[in-house]
Amino acid sequence: VRQNHPRQRRLGNSEEDGMSERDVRCAGSEGAADLRGEAAGLEMGLSASAFSSEEAAFGSSSTCCYVEKHQDMVSLELDLEQRRAAAQVDAKGKYEPCLSEHGIPNDVLAKLLPGSDVIELNEPKVGGGLAYRFAKRTFDVASCACALIALAVPMAIIAARIKLESPGPAIYSQKRVGKNGKIFNVYKFRSMYIDAEARGAQWAVGDDPRVTPFGKFLREKRIDEIPQFWNIVKGDMSLIGPRPERPEFCQEFEKRIHGWRYRTCVRPGLSGLAQVTGGYDLLPKEKVILDLEYIEHRSVALDLKIILKTLGVVSTGEGSR
């Protein structure tokens, strides 16, 4: 069966004329399996098993579309080192202080958005009926409220350790883009010195001198994100969904990825499909495809699978950047 590609189109650079659309060729479950085999060979190391035919959340047609999207949008010309460099500056941007005042350097944007292509994304149809949305919100509130109560003493100990290591507040807030583009404050345990700007240049790579020793541990284990349980209880976030980005990044990404804003059709999440499927070495234009796939196919089963995969990632420390 040959069908028009449902998700994205790629606009050429200034030296190319017009706009081309790619098609997806699906030949039942056998064809989907072949395509999954091809996806496994991509340099980006995506976990095609997350879209296997055994998973009820995705059918073979969705798997075909997923593979084709990545074959079209993945930057195969980038080697692993280049991807890691892009992932490093992306991770730094999550913590970089005074981003609104200093802006995003051009060399950082060049790593995050290599090439000159402009991607056009089609608006997704938000999946999940009223029953799913009620169950999801109920689970979010109940689980995170219980977690905050159970972790109250450990969180107090962590806060005391942070304040003993360096002066300043134990928890800080940072602006992120939430559902329907609403700006909200996300909460984290502080992992940098309060005078971070005076301790080193922006976007430092490697051992960042602005990060405290205990802060490095918090980031590696993702413990610094525990206060976001409160964001979930408040309704700013969900346990599972596209990760919230800083407004400055959203503005820049939308210039080259038309439709980046579609990620905000649902509440952002503490973890998401992109984080457990492709890791943190994916480029923004690759992550957004997984985010939109989740938005269209979200379900209780898929959410539970992502939660289990997230626990595995946290326990091994993979993707801690």
Protein backbone atom coordinates (compact mmCIF):
# COMPACT_ATOMS: atom_id res chain seq x y z
CA VAL A 1 0.00 0.00 0.00
CA ARG A 2 1.46 3.36 -0.97
CA GLN A 3 0.27 6.43 0.88
CA ASN A 4 1.27 10.05 1.29
CA HIS A 5 3.51 10.74 4.25
CA PRO A 6 1.25 11.87 7.13
CA ARG A 7 3.70 13.74 9.35
CA GLN A 8 6.38 15.85 7.75
CA ARG A 9 7.70 17.51 4.67
CA ARG A 10 11.19 18.84 4.10
CA LEU A 11 11.73 22.18 2.44
CA GLY A 12 14.96 22.46 0.49
CA ASN A 13 17.67 24.98 1.24
CA SER A 14 18.16 28.17 -0.71
CA GLU A 15 19.90 26.30 -3.55
CA GLU A 16 16.99 23.93 -4.10
CA ASP A 17 13.69 24.64 -5.78
CA GLY A 18 10.26 23.85 -4.40
CA MET A 19 9.15 21.34 -1.85
CA SER A 20 9.13 17.55 -2.01
CA GLU A 21 7.02 15.01 -0.12
CA ARG A 22 8.20 11.50 0.64
CA ASP A 23 5.97 8.45 0.52
CA VAL A 24 5.84 5.52 2.83
CA ARG A 25 5.74 2.00 1.46
CA CYS A 26 4.22 -0.52 3.82
CA ALA A 27 3.77 -4.17 2.96
CA GLY A 28 2.00 -5.61 5.99
CA SER A 29 3.81 -6.90 9.01
CA GLU A 30 6.68 -8.39 6.99
CA GLY A 31 7.36 -5.04 5.36
CA ALA A 32 7.25 -3.35 8.73
CA ALA A 33 9.77 -5.84 10.08
CA ASP A 34 12.12 -5.12 7.18
CA LEU A 35 11.84 -1.41 7.78
CA ARG A 36 12.51 -1.90 11.47
CA GLY A 37 15.64 -3.78 10.51
CA GLU A 38 16.77 -0.83 8.43
CA ALA A 39 16.08 1.56 11.30
CA ALA A 40 18.24 -0.47 13.65
CA GLY A 41 21.21 0.29 11.43
CA LEU A 42 20.92 4.06 11.67
CA GLU A 43 23.85 5.79 13.33
CA MET A 44 21.57 7.45 15.82
CA GLY A 45 21.02 4.09 17.47
CA LEU A 46 17.26 4.39 17.84
CA SER A 47 15.58 1.54 19.62
CA ALA A 48 13.25 0.18 16.95
CA SER A 49 12.05 -2.44 19.39
CA ALA A 50 9.97 0.26 21.03
CA PHE A 51 7.75 0.08 17.97
CA SER A 52 7.65 -3.69 17.50
CA SER A 53 4.51 -5.40 16.26
CA GLU A 54 3.92 -6.90 19.71
CA GLU A 55 3.24 -3.47 21.18
CA ALA A 56 -0.42 -2.61 21.08
CA ALA A 57 0.34 1.10 21.13
CA PHE A 58 1.64 1.10 17.55
CA GLY A 59 0.52 -0.81 14.50
CA SER A 60 2.70 -1.84 11.55
CA SER A 61 1.60 1.22 9.57
CA SER A 62 2.77 3.53 12.33
CA THR A 63 6.08 1.68 12.46
CA CYS A 64 6.57 2.21 8.74
CA CYS A 65 5.81 5.90 9.07
CA TYR A 66 8.18 6.20 12.02
CA VAL A 67 11.07 4.59 10.17
CA GLU A 68 10.49 6.63 7.04
CA LYS A 69 10.37 9.87 9.00
CA HIS A 70 13.70 9.16 10.57
CA GLN A 71 15.30 8.07 7.30
CA ASP A 72 14.27 11.42 5.88
CA MET A 73 15.07 13.63 8.85
CA VAL A 74 17.98 11.94 10.64
CA SER A 75 21.31 13.56 9.88
CA LEU A 76 23.36 10.56 8.81
CA GLU A 77 26.26 12.81 7.89
CA LEU A 78 26.81 13.52 11.59
CA ASP A 79 29.14 11.11 13.33
CA LEU A 80 28.78 10.04 16.94
CA GLU A 81 31.16 12.70 18.22
CA GLN A 82 29.19 15.47 16.51
CA ARG A 83 25.99 14.11 18.00
CA ARG A 84 27.51 14.02 21.44
CA ALA A 85 28.73 17.59 21.04
CA ALA A 86 25.20 18.65 20.11
CA ALA A 87 23.79 16.71 23.07
CA GLN A 88 26.26 18.41 25.42
CA VAL A 89 25.29 21.94 24.43
CA ASP A 90 21.61 20.94 24.51
CA ALA A 91 22.06 19.70 28.07
CA LYS A 92 23.96 22.84 29.04
CA GLY A 93 21.10 24.91 27.74
CA LYS A 94 18.74 23.26 30.20
CA TYR A 95 20.74 24.78 33.07
CA GLU A 96 22.41 27.83 31.53
CA PRO A 97 21.71 30.87 33.71
CA CYS A 98 20.73 34.24 32.24
CA LEU A 99 19.79 32.67 28.91
CA SER A 100 17.15 35.32 28.21
CA GLU A 101 19.75 38.06 28.67
CA HIS A 102 22.66 36.44 26.83
CA GLY A 103 20.77 34.57 24.10
CA ILE A 104 21.88 31.37 22.37
CA PRO A 105 25.29 31.61 20.64
CA ASN A 106 25.34 30.95 16.90
CA ASP A 107 27.83 28.10 17.23
CA VAL A 108 25.47 26.37 19.66
CA LEU A 109 22.55 26.70 17.26
CA ALA A 110 24.75 25.35 14.45
CA LYS A 111 25.33 22.18 16.48
CA LEU A 112 21.68 21.76 17.41
CA LEU A 113 20.35 22.63 13.95
CA PRO A 114 22.98 21.42 11.46
CA GLY A 115 22.51 22.07 7.76
CA SER A 116 20.16 24.57 6.19
CA ASP A 117 17.00 22.53 5.68
CA VAL A 118 13.65 23.78 6.96
CA ILE A 119 11.28 21.08 8.20
CA GLU A 120 7.50 21.36 7.86
CA LEU A 121 5.49 19.30 10.35
CA ASN A 122 1.82 18.46 10.03
CA GLU A 123 -0.33 19.13 13.08
CA PRO A 124 -1.00 15.87 14.95
CA LYS A 125 -4.38 14.58 16.04
CA VAL A 126 -4.22 14.36 19.82
CA GLY A 127 -4.85 10.78 20.90
CA GLY A 128 -6.54 9.50 24.02
CA GLY A 129 -10.23 9.83 24.85
CA LEU A 130 -11.88 11.36 27.90
CA ALA A 131 -11.47 8.17 29.93
CA TYR A 132 -7.73 8.07 29.21
CA ARG A 133 -7.27 11.73 30.05
CA PHE A 134 -9.15 11.35 33.34
CA ALA A 135 -7.14 8.24 34.26
CA LYS A 136 -3.87 9.92 33.30
CA ARG A 137 -4.53 13.03 35.35
CA THR A 138 -5.75 10.99 38.33
CA PHE A 139 -2.65 8.82 38.25
CA ASP A 140 -0.40 11.88 37.89
CA VAL A 141 -1.85 13.60 40.95
CA ALA A 142 -2.12 10.50 43.15
CA SER A 143 1.33 9.09 42.36
CA CYS A 144 3.20 12.38 42.61
CA ALA A 145 1.42 13.49 45.78
CA CYS A 146 2.33 10.16 47.39
CA ALA A 147 5.90 10.51 46.11
CA LEU A 148 6.25 13.97 47.62
CA ILE A 149 5.04 12.68 50.98
CA ALA A 150 7.26 9.60 50.88
CA LEU A 151 10.30 11.61 49.77
CA ALA A 152 9.79 14.50 52.17
CA VAL A 153 12.62 13.46 54.50
CA PRO A 154 15.11 12.57 51.71
CA MET A 155 14.28 15.88 49.98
CA ALA A 156 14.95 17.77 53.21
CA ILE A 157 18.31 16.00 53.55
CA ILE A 158 19.19 16.84 49.93
CA ALA A 159 18.21 20.47 50.46
CA ALA A 160 20.38 20.68 53.58
CA ARG A 161 23.33 19.13 51.74
CA ILE A 162 22.98 21.64 48.90
CA LYS A 163 22.95 24.60 51.29
CA LEU A 164 25.91 23.24 53.25
CA GLU A 165 27.97 22.86 50.08
CA SER A 166 27.27 26.33 48.73
CA PRO A 167 25.20 29.34 49.80
CA GLY A 168 21.91 30.03 48.08
CA PRO A 169 18.46 28.45 47.76
CA ALA A 170 18.18 24.67 47.58
CA ILE A 171 15.45 24.80 44.93
CA TYR A 172 15.29 27.19 42.00
CA SER A 173 12.75 27.83 39.26
CA GLN A 174 13.19 28.19 35.52
CA LYS A 175 10.76 29.26 32.83
CA ARG A 176 9.56 26.56 30.43
CA VAL A 177 6.90 26.36 27.72
CA GLY A 178 3.88 24.33 28.76
CA LYS A 179 0.59 23.24 27.26
CA ASN A 180 -0.74 25.55 24.53
CA GLY A 181 2.40 27.67 24.81
CA LYS A 182 1.73 28.78 28.39
CA ILE A 183 4.90 29.76 30.25
CA PHE A 184 5.34 28.19 33.68
CA ASN A 185 8.08 27.81 36.27
CA VAL A 186 9.66 24.38 36.53
CA TYR A 187 11.34 23.51 39.83
CA LYS A 188 14.68 21.77 40.35
CA PHE A 189 17.23 21.20 43.06
CA ARG A 190 20.05 23.68 42.53
CA SER A 191 23.14 21.99 41.07
CA MET A 192 25.27 25.08 40.30
CA TYR A 193 27.01 27.68 42.42
CA ILE A 194 24.92 30.78 42.95
CA ASP A 195 27.69 32.86 41.31
CA ALA A 196 27.87 30.54 38.31
CA GLU A 197 28.49 33.34 35.82
CA ALA A 198 31.71 34.35 37.57
CA ARG A 199 33.09 30.80 37.60
CA GLY A 200 33.39 30.15 33.90
CA ALA A 201 32.30 30.94 30.38
CA GLN A 202 28.82 30.13 29.18
CA TRP A 203 28.17 26.80 27.49
CA ALA A 204 31.28 25.27 29.02
CA VAL A 205 31.76 21.62 28.05
CA GLY A 206 33.28 18.75 29.98
CA ASP A 207 33.68 19.35 33.71
CA ASP A 208 31.74 22.56 34.15
CA PRO A 209 33.34 24.53 37.03
CA ARG A 210 29.98 26.10 37.76
CA VAL A 211 28.46 22.76 38.83
CA THR A 212 28.90 21.78 42.47
CA PRO A 213 30.27 18.30 43.29
CA PHE A 214 26.95 17.27 44.82
CA GLY A 215 25.14 18.93 41.93
CA LYS A 216 26.97 16.69 39.49
CA PHE A 217 25.70 13.66 41.40
CA LEU A 218 22.15 15.06 41.40
CA ARG A 219 22.24 15.50 37.63
CA GLU A 220 23.70 12.05 36.95
CA LYS A 221 20.93 10.38 38.93
CA ARG A 222 18.28 12.92 37.81
CA ILE A 223 17.55 13.59 41.45
CA ASP A 224 17.56 17.31 40.71
CA GLU A 225 14.23 16.84 38.93
CA ILE A 226 12.35 15.44 41.94
CA PRO A 227 10.77 18.85 42.77
CA GLN A 228 8.98 18.63 39.43
CA PHE A 229 6.54 16.25 41.10
CA TRP A 230 5.03 19.45 42.47
CA ASN A 231 4.71 20.81 38.91
CA ILE A 232 2.76 17.66 38.06
CA VAL A 233 0.44 17.99 41.05
CA LYS A 234 -0.18 21.64 40.14
CA GLY A 235 -1.13 20.67 36.59
CA ASP A 236 1.82 22.29 34.80
CA MET A 237 3.19 18.91 33.74
CA SER A 238 2.41 15.21 33.47
CA LEU A 239 4.55 12.21 34.29
CA ILE A 240 4.75 11.32 30.59
CA GLY A 241 4.79 13.74 27.69
CA PRO A 242 7.18 15.81 25.54
CA ARG A 243 9.90 17.35 27.69
CA PRO A 244 9.30 21.09 28.26
CA GLU A 245 11.77 23.40 26.55
CA ARG A 246 12.94 26.87 27.49
CA PRO A 247 11.20 29.68 25.58
CA GLU A 248 14.43 30.82 23.95
CA PHE A 249 15.02 27.40 22.39
CA CYS A 250 11.42 27.11 21.23
CA GLN A 251 11.67 30.41 19.39
CA GLU A 252 14.85 29.35 17.57
CA PHE A 253 13.68 25.81 16.79
CA GLU A 254 10.41 27.06 15.29
CA LYS A 255 12.39 29.05 12.70
CA ARG A 256 13.83 25.84 11.24
CA ILE A 257 11.27 23.28 12.38
CA HIS A 258 7.89 24.70 11.40
CA GLY A 259 5.42 23.03 13.73
CA TRP A 260 7.72 22.66 16.74
CA ARG A 261 4.90 24.32 18.68
CA TYR A 262 2.69 21.25 18.09
CA ARG A 263 4.61 19.58 20.95
CA THR A 264 2.59 21.80 23.30
CA CYS A 265 -0.76 20.28 22.30
CA VAL A 266 -0.52 18.26 25.52
CA ARG A 267 1.03 18.79 28.93
CA PRO A 268 4.83 18.42 28.94
CA GLY A 269 6.19 15.44 30.80
CA LEU A 270 8.84 14.52 33.33
CA SER A 271 9.89 11.84 30.82
CA GLY A 272 8.87 11.09 27.28
CA LEU A 273 9.06 8.72 24.33
CA ALA A 274 12.04 10.57 22.83
CA GLN A 275 14.05 10.21 26.04
CA VAL A 276 13.59 6.44 26.42
CA THR A 277 13.70 5.54 22.72
CA GLY A 278 16.49 7.60 21.24
CA GLY A 279 18.38 8.74 24.30
CA TYR A 280 19.84 12.21 24.55
CA ASP A 281 21.98 12.11 21.39
CA LEU A 282 19.03 12.95 19.15
CA LEU A 283 18.84 16.28 17.40
CA PRO A 284 15.78 18.49 18.03
CA LYS A 285 14.32 17.70 14.60
CA GLU A 286 14.53 14.00 15.47
CA LYS A 287 13.10 14.34 18.98
CA VAL A 288 10.07 16.27 17.74
CA ILE A 289 9.00 13.37 15.52
CA LEU A 290 8.94 11.01 18.50
CA ASP A 291 7.08 13.63 20.53
CA LEU A 292 4.39 13.95 17.86
CA GLU A 293 4.16 10.16 17.55
CA TYR A 294 3.46 10.00 21.26
CA ILE A 295 0.82 12.73 21.06
CA GLU A 296 -1.07 10.82 18.36
CA HIS A 297 -0.77 7.35 19.91
CA ARG A 298 -0.71 8.02 23.64
CA SER A 299 -2.50 5.48 25.78
CA VAL A 300 -2.36 3.95 29.25
CA ALA A 301 -0.29 1.04 27.92
CA LEU A 302 2.23 3.31 26.21
CA ASP A 303 2.53 5.55 29.28
CA LEU A 304 3.24 2.54 31.50
CA LYS A 305 5.90 1.28 29.09
CA ILE A 306 7.61 4.67 29.05
CA ILE A 307 7.52 4.80 32.87
CA LEU A 308 9.18 1.38 33.07
CA LYS A 309 11.80 2.35 30.50
CA THR A 310 12.44 5.59 32.38
CA LEU A 311 13.07 3.68 35.60
CA GLY A 312 15.60 1.58 33.72
CA VAL A 313 17.35 4.66 32.36
CA VAL A 314 17.50 6.27 35.81
CA SER A 315 18.86 3.10 37.43
CA THR A 316 21.68 2.80 34.87
CA GLY A 317 22.42 6.52 34.62
CA GLU A 318 22.15 6.47 30.82
CA GLY A 319 21.09 9.73 29.24
CA SER A 320 21.77 11.65 32.42
CA ARG A 321 22.96 14.63 30.44
